[in-house]
Amino acid sequence: DAPNTIADGLKVPLKELTWHFVSNH
């Protein structure tokens, strides 16, 4: 829900559509 990292652009979680590409490719 709320990760803490200096990489502020990478704090959001995967969703269904992006998971499709990540899990397959």
PDB file of all heavy atoms in Angstrom:
ATOM      1  N   ASP A   1       0.819  -1.211   0.000  1.00  0.00           N
ATOM      2  CA  ASP A   1       0.000   0.000   0.000  1.00  0.00           C
ATOM      3  C   ASP A   1       0.856   1.265   0.000  1.00  0.00           C
ATOM      4  O   ASP A   1       0.567   2.222  -0.700  1.00  0.00           O
ATOM      5  CB  ASP A   1      -0.944   0.011   1.205  1.00  0.00           C
ATOM      6  CG  ASP A   1      -1.964   1.146   1.105  1.00  0.00           C
ATOM      7  OD1 ASP A   1      -2.541   1.305   0.019  1.00  0.00           O
ATOM      8  OD2 ASP A   1      -2.159   1.865   2.102  1.00  0.00           O
ATOM      9  N   ALA A   2       1.915   1.283   0.770  1.00  0.00           N
ATOM     10  CA  ALA A   2       2.709   2.511   0.895  1.00  0.00           C
ATOM     11  C   ALA A   2       4.182   2.211   1.125  1.00  0.00           C
ATOM     12  O   ALA A   2       4.727   2.455   2.207  1.00  0.00           O
ATOM     13  CB  ALA A   2       2.160   3.373   2.032  1.00  0.00           C
ATOM     14  N   PRO A   3       4.873   1.666   0.123  1.00  0.00           N
ATOM     15  CA  PRO A   3       6.308   1.380   0.277  1.00  0.00           C
ATOM     16  C   PRO A   3       7.113   2.665   0.411  1.00  0.00           C
ATOM     17  O   PRO A   3       6.677   3.729  -0.045  1.00  0.00           O
ATOM     18  CB  PRO A   3       6.658   0.639  -1.021  1.00  0.00           C
ATOM     19  CG  PRO A   3       5.647   1.119  -2.003  1.00  0.00           C
ATOM     20  CD  PRO A   3       4.388   1.337  -1.229  1.00  0.00           C
ATOM     21  N   ASN A   4       8.284   2.569   1.004  1.00  0.00           N
ATOM     22  CA  ASN A   4       9.128   3.740   1.239  1.00  0.00           C
ATOM     23  C   ASN A   4      10.468   3.558   0.543  1.00  0.00           C
ATOM     24  O   ASN A   4      11.281   2.733   0.952  1.00  0.00           O
ATOM     25  CB  ASN A   4       9.327   3.941   2.743  1.00  0.00           C
ATOM     26  CG  ASN A   4      10.128   5.187   3.054  1.00  0.00           C
ATOM     27  OD1 ASN A   4      10.137   6.131   2.272  1.00  0.00           O
ATOM     28  ND2 ASN A   4      10.816   5.190   4.175  1.00  0.00           N
ATOM     29  N   THR A   5      10.693   4.316  -0.514  1.00  0.00           N
ATOM     30  CA  THR A   5      11.953   4.245  -1.248  1.00  0.00           C
ATOM     31  C   THR A   5      12.277   5.605  -1.840  1.00  0.00           C
ATOM     32  O   THR A   5      11.369   6.416  -2.126  1.00  0.00           O
ATOM     33  CB  THR A   5      11.902   3.200  -2.379  1.00  0.00           C
ATOM     34  OG1 THR A   5      13.108   3.283  -3.154  1.00  0.00           O
ATOM     35  CG2 THR A   5      10.716   3.432  -3.301  1.00  0.00           C
ATOM     36  N   ILE A   6      13.551   5.849  -2.033  1.00  0.00           N
ATOM     37  CA  ILE A   6      13.989   7.084  -2.667  1.00  0.00           C
ATOM     38  C   ILE A   6      13.542   7.152  -4.117  1.00  0.00           C
ATOM     39  O   ILE A   6      13.418   8.228  -4.700  1.00  0.00           O
ATOM     40  CB  ILE A   6      15.520   7.206  -2.554  1.00  0.00           C
ATOM     41  CG1 ILE A   6      15.967   8.624  -2.860  1.00  0.00           C
ATOM     42  CG2 ILE A   6      16.231   6.206  -3.459  1.00  0.00           C
ATOM     43  CD1 ILE A   6      17.398   8.893  -2.497  1.00  0.00           C
ATOM     44  N   ALA A   7      13.269   5.997  -4.712  1.00  0.00           N
ATOM     45  CA  ALA A   7      12.807   5.923  -6.107  1.00  0.00           C
ATOM     46  C   ALA A   7      11.304   6.187  -6.149  1.00  0.00           C
ATOM     47  O   ALA A   7      10.490   5.271  -6.268  1.00  0.00           O
ATOM     48  CB  ALA A   7      13.145   4.558  -6.697  1.00  0.00           C
ATOM     49  N   ASP A   8      10.919   7.461  -6.050  1.00  0.00           N
ATOM     50  CA  ASP A   8       9.514   7.821  -5.848  1.00  0.00           C
ATOM     51  C   ASP A   8       8.614   7.403  -7.001  1.00  0.00           C
ATOM     52  O   ASP A   8       7.411   7.209  -6.824  1.00  0.00           O
ATOM     53  CB  ASP A   8       9.384   9.328  -5.607  1.00  0.00           C
ATOM     54  CG  ASP A   8       9.825  10.155  -6.807  1.00  0.00           C
ATOM     55  OD1 ASP A   8      11.031  10.421  -6.952  1.00  0.00           O
ATOM     56  OD2 ASP A   8       8.956  10.534  -7.616  1.00  0.00           O
ATOM     57  N   GLY A   9       9.183   7.236  -8.193  1.00  0.00           N
ATOM     58  CA  GLY A   9       8.365   6.838  -9.331  1.00  0.00           C
ATOM     59  C   GLY A   9       8.028   5.357  -9.375  1.00  0.00           C
ATOM     60  O   GLY A   9       7.273   4.918 -10.238  1.00  0.00           O
ATOM     61  N   LEU A  10       8.586   4.577  -8.426  1.00  0.00           N
ATOM     62  CA  LEU A  10       8.411   3.117  -8.460  1.00  0.00           C
ATOM     63  C   LEU A  10       7.654   2.591  -7.234  1.00  0.00           C
ATOM     64  O   LEU A  10       7.812   1.443  -6.856  1.00  0.00           O
ATOM     65  CB  LEU A  10       9.786   2.433  -8.553  1.00  0.00           C
ATOM     66  CG  LEU A  10      10.683   2.896  -9.700  1.00  0.00           C
ATOM     67  CD1 LEU A  10      12.006   2.139  -9.696  1.00  0.00           C
ATOM     68  CD2 LEU A  10       9.985   2.735 -11.051  1.00  0.00           C
ATOM     69  N   LYS A  11       6.824   3.426  -6.639  1.00  0.00           N
ATOM     70  CA  LYS A  11       6.138   3.035  -5.406  1.00  0.00           C
ATOM     71  C   LYS A  11       4.791   2.377  -5.644  1.00  0.00           C
ATOM     72  O   LYS A  11       4.169   1.899  -4.704  1.00  0.00           O
ATOM     73  CB  LYS A  11       5.934   4.261  -4.509  1.00  0.00           C
ATOM     74  CG  LYS A  11       7.217   4.835  -3.930  1.00  0.00           C
ATOM     75  CD  LYS A  11       6.907   6.021  -3.020  1.00  0.00           C
ATOM     76  CE  LYS A  11       8.150   6.567  -2.346  1.00  0.00           C
ATOM     77  NZ  LYS A  11       7.840   7.685  -1.437  1.00  0.00           N
ATOM     78  N   VAL A  12       4.313   2.371  -6.876  1.00  0.00           N
ATOM     79  CA  VAL A  12       2.961   1.874  -7.146  1.00  0.00           C
ATOM     80  C   VAL A  12       2.972   0.394  -7.523  1.00  0.00           C
ATOM     81  O   VAL A  12       3.961  -0.122  -8.044  1.00  0.00           O
ATOM     82  CB  VAL A  12       2.280   2.705  -8.253  1.00  0.00           C
ATOM     83  CG1 VAL A  12       1.959   4.094  -7.725  1.00  0.00           C
ATOM     84  CG2 VAL A  12       3.168   2.803  -9.487  1.00  0.00           C
ATOM     85  N   PRO A  13       1.863  -0.310  -7.262  1.00  0.00           N
ATOM     86  CA  PRO A  13       1.815  -1.757  -7.521  1.00  0.00           C
ATOM     87  C   PRO A  13       1.411  -2.099  -8.949  1.00  0.00           C
ATOM     88  O   PRO A  13       0.820  -1.281  -9.662  1.00  0.00           O
ATOM     89  CB  PRO A  13       0.734  -2.233  -6.543  1.00  0.00           C
ATOM     90  CG  PRO A  13      -0.227  -1.077  -6.470  1.00  0.00           C
ATOM     91  CD  PRO A  13       0.634   0.168  -6.565  1.00  0.00           C
ATOM     92  N   LEU A  14       1.729  -3.318  -9.352  1.00  0.00           N
ATOM     93  CA  LEU A  14       1.256  -3.843 -10.630  1.00  0.00           C
ATOM     94  C   LEU A  14      -0.261  -3.936 -10.633  1.00  0.00           C
ATOM     95  O   LEU A  14      -0.892  -4.073  -9.581  1.00  0.00           O
ATOM     96  CB  LEU A  14       1.831  -5.237 -10.872  1.00  0.00           C
ATOM     97  CG  LEU A  14       3.351  -5.342 -11.042  1.00  0.00           C
ATOM     98  CD1 LEU A  14       3.774  -6.808 -10.955  1.00  0.00           C
ATOM     99  CD2 LEU A  14       3.792  -4.732 -12.351  1.00  0.00           C
ATOM    100  N   LYS A  15      -0.849  -3.871 -11.820  1.00  0.00           N
ATOM    101  CA  LYS A  15      -2.286  -4.092 -11.996  1.00  0.00           C
ATOM    102  C   LYS A  15      -2.473  -5.208 -13.027  1.00  0.00           C
ATOM    103  O   LYS A  15      -1.517  -5.727 -13.594  1.00  0.00           O
ATOM    104  CB  LYS A  15      -2.975  -2.802 -12.452  1.00  0.00           C
ATOM    105  CG  LYS A  15      -2.940  -1.662 -11.423  1.00  0.00           C
ATOM    106  CD  LYS A  15      -3.883  -1.916 -10.261  1.00  0.00           C
ATOM    107  CE  LYS A  15      -4.000  -0.698  -9.358  1.00  0.00           C
ATOM    108  NZ  LYS A  15      -4.913  -0.917  -8.230  1.00  0.00           N
ATOM    109  N   GLU A  16      -3.729  -5.555 -13.289  1.00  0.00           N
ATOM    110  CA  GLU A  16      -4.022  -6.729 -14.112  1.00  0.00           C
ATOM    111  C   GLU A  16      -3.371  -6.669 -15.495  1.00  0.00           C
ATOM    112  O   GLU A  16      -2.804  -7.655 -15.974  1.00  0.00           O
ATOM    113  CB  GLU A  16      -5.542  -6.901 -14.259  1.00  0.00           C
ATOM    114  CG  GLU A  16      -6.253  -7.298 -12.983  1.00  0.00           C
ATOM    115  CD  GLU A  16      -6.465  -6.114 -12.042  1.00  0.00           C
ATOM    116  OE1 GLU A  16      -6.194  -4.956 -12.459  1.00  0.00           O
ATOM    117  OE2 GLU A  16      -6.892  -6.336 -10.894  1.00  0.00           O
ATOM    118  N   LEU A  17      -3.451  -5.499 -16.144  1.00  0.00           N
ATOM    119  CA  LEU A  17      -2.953  -5.402 -17.514  1.00  0.00           C
ATOM    120  C   LEU A  17      -1.429  -5.484 -17.556  1.00  0.00           C
ATOM    121  O   LEU A  17      -0.855  -6.185 -18.401  1.00  0.00           O
ATOM    122  CB  LEU A  17      -3.440  -4.093 -18.144  1.00  0.00           C
ATOM    123  CG  LEU A  17      -3.273  -3.929 -19.651  1.00  0.00           C
ATOM    124  CD1 LEU A  17      -3.823  -5.118 -20.421  1.00  0.00           C
ATOM    125  CD2 LEU A  17      -3.939  -2.641 -20.120  1.00  0.00           C
ATOM    126  N   THR A  18      -0.767  -4.772 -16.649  1.00  0.00           N
ATOM    127  CA  THR A  18       0.697  -4.828 -16.646  1.00  0.00           C
ATOM    128  C   THR A  18       1.191  -6.194 -16.165  1.00  0.00           C
ATOM    129  O   THR A  18       2.220  -6.680 -16.634  1.00  0.00           O
ATOM    130  CB  THR A  18       1.295  -3.708 -15.782  1.00  0.00           C
ATOM    131  OG1 THR A  18       0.702  -3.717 -14.477  1.00  0.00           O
ATOM    132  CG2 THR A  18       1.046  -2.345 -16.423  1.00  0.00           C
ATOM    133  N   TRP A  19       0.449  -6.813 -15.252  1.00  0.00           N
ATOM    134  CA  TRP A  19       0.823  -8.158 -14.794  1.00  0.00           C
ATOM    135  C   TRP A  19       0.787  -9.151 -15.954  1.00  0.00           C
ATOM    136  O   TRP A  19       1.606 -10.069 -16.027  1.00  0.00           O
ATOM    137  CB  TRP A  19      -0.095  -8.610 -13.668  1.00  0.00           C
ATOM    138  CG  TRP A  19       0.111 -10.034 -13.249  1.00  0.00           C
ATOM    139  CD1 TRP A  19      -0.789 -11.061 -13.334  1.00  0.00           C
ATOM    140  CD2 TRP A  19       1.292 -10.610 -12.669  1.00  0.00           C
ATOM    141  NE1 TRP A  19      -0.251 -12.238 -12.869  1.00  0.00           N
ATOM    142  CE2 TRP A  19       1.023 -11.990 -12.440  1.00  0.00           C
ATOM    143  CE3 TRP A  19       2.545 -10.108 -12.330  1.00  0.00           C
ATOM    144  CZ2 TRP A  19       1.977 -12.850 -11.894  1.00  0.00           C
ATOM    145  CZ3 TRP A  19       3.484 -10.975 -11.784  1.00  0.00           C
ATOM    146  CH2 TRP A  19       3.190 -12.328 -11.569  1.00  0.00           C
ATOM    147  N   HIS A  20      -0.146  -8.959 -16.881  1.00  0.00           N
ATOM    148  CA  HIS A  20      -0.215  -9.832 -18.060  1.00  0.00           C
ATOM    149  C   HIS A  20       1.133  -9.825 -18.793  1.00  0.00           C
ATOM    150  O   HIS A  20       1.662 -10.891 -19.148  1.00  0.00           O
ATOM    151  CB  HIS A  20      -1.321  -9.374 -19.006  1.00  0.00           C
ATOM    152  CG  HIS A  20      -1.212  -9.939 -20.393  1.00  0.00           C
ATOM    153  ND1 HIS A  20      -1.632 -11.212 -20.711  1.00  0.00           N
ATOM    154  CD2 HIS A  20      -0.667  -9.418 -21.533  1.00  0.00           C
ATOM    155  CE1 HIS A  20      -1.370 -11.451 -21.992  1.00  0.00           C
ATOM    156  NE2 HIS A  20      -0.793 -10.380 -22.510  1.00  0.00           N
ATOM    157  N   PHE A  21       1.683  -8.643 -19.021  1.00  0.00           N
ATOM    158  CA  PHE A  21       2.944  -8.543 -19.755  1.00  0.00           C
ATOM    159  C   PHE A  21       4.119  -9.030 -18.915  1.00  0.00           C
ATOM    160  O   PHE A  21       4.993  -9.755 -19.407  1.00  0.00           O
ATOM    161  CB  PHE A  21       3.170  -7.099 -20.216  1.00  0.00           C
ATOM    162  CG  PHE A  21       2.301  -6.703 -21.371  1.00  0.00           C
ATOM    163  CD1 PHE A  21       1.150  -5.958 -21.172  1.00  0.00           C
ATOM    164  CD2 PHE A  21       2.616  -7.099 -22.662  1.00  0.00           C
ATOM    165  CE1 PHE A  21       0.336  -5.600 -22.235  1.00  0.00           C
ATOM    166  CE2 PHE A  21       1.813  -6.747 -23.744  1.00  0.00           C
ATOM    167  CZ  PHE A  21       0.658  -6.001 -23.523  1.00  0.00           C
ATOM    168  N   VAL A  22       4.149  -8.643 -17.645  1.00  0.00           N
ATOM    169  CA  VAL A  22       5.248  -9.055 -16.766  1.00  0.00           C
ATOM    170  C   VAL A  22       5.301 -10.575 -16.640  1.00  0.00           C
ATOM    171  O   VAL A  22       6.368 -11.195 -16.781  1.00  0.00           O
ATOM    172  CB  VAL A  22       5.107  -8.403 -15.374  1.00  0.00           C
ATOM    173  CG1 VAL A  22       6.103  -9.008 -14.384  1.00  0.00           C
ATOM    174  CG2 VAL A  22       5.329  -6.894 -15.473  1.00  0.00           C
ATOM    175  N   SER A  23       4.164 -11.193 -16.396  1.00  0.00           N
ATOM    176  CA  SER A  23       4.132 -12.645 -16.152  1.00  0.00           C
ATOM    177  C   SER A  23       4.414 -13.455 -17.407  1.00  0.00           C
ATOM    178  O   SER A  23       4.898 -14.583 -17.329  1.00  0.00           O
ATOM    179  CB  SER A  23       2.781 -13.051 -15.552  1.00  0.00           C
ATOM    180  OG  SER A  23       1.721 -12.715 -16.420  1.00  0.00           O
ATOM    181  N   ASN A  24       4.161 -12.875 -18.569  1.00  0.00           N
ATOM    182  CA  ASN A  24       4.347 -13.608 -19.820  1.00  0.00           C
ATOM    183  C   ASN A  24       5.664 -13.335 -20.544  1.00  0.00           C
ATOM    184  O   ASN A  24       6.130 -14.175 -21.325  1.00  0.00           O
ATOM    185  CB  ASN A  24       3.196 -13.308 -20.786  1.00  0.00           C
ATOM    186  CG  ASN A  24       1.922 -14.061 -20.430  1.00  0.00           C
ATOM    187  OD1 ASN A  24       1.863 -15.279 -20.561  1.00  0.00           O
ATOM    188  ND2 ASN A  24       0.919 -13.340 -19.950  1.00  0.00           N
ATOM    189  N   HIS A  25       6.282 -12.167 -20.284  1.00  0.00           N
ATOM    190  CA  HIS A  25       7.420 -11.778 -21.118  1.00  0.00           C
ATOM    191  C   HIS A  25       8.679 -11.359 -20.373  1.00  0.00           C
ATOM    192  O   HIS A  25       9.746 -11.312 -20.994  1.00  0.00           O
ATOM    193  CB  HIS A  25       7.005 -10.645 -22.063  1.00  0.00           C
ATOM    194  CG  HIS A  25       5.907 -11.007 -23.005  1.00  0.00           C
ATOM    195  ND1 HIS A  25       6.064 -11.910 -24.029  1.00  0.00           N
ATOM    196  CD2 HIS A  25       4.613 -10.595 -23.074  1.00  0.00           C
ATOM    197  CE1 HIS A  25       4.931 -12.040 -24.698  1.00  0.00           C
ATOM    198  NE2 HIS A  25       4.029 -11.253 -24.138  1.00  0.00           N
TER     199      HIS A  25
END
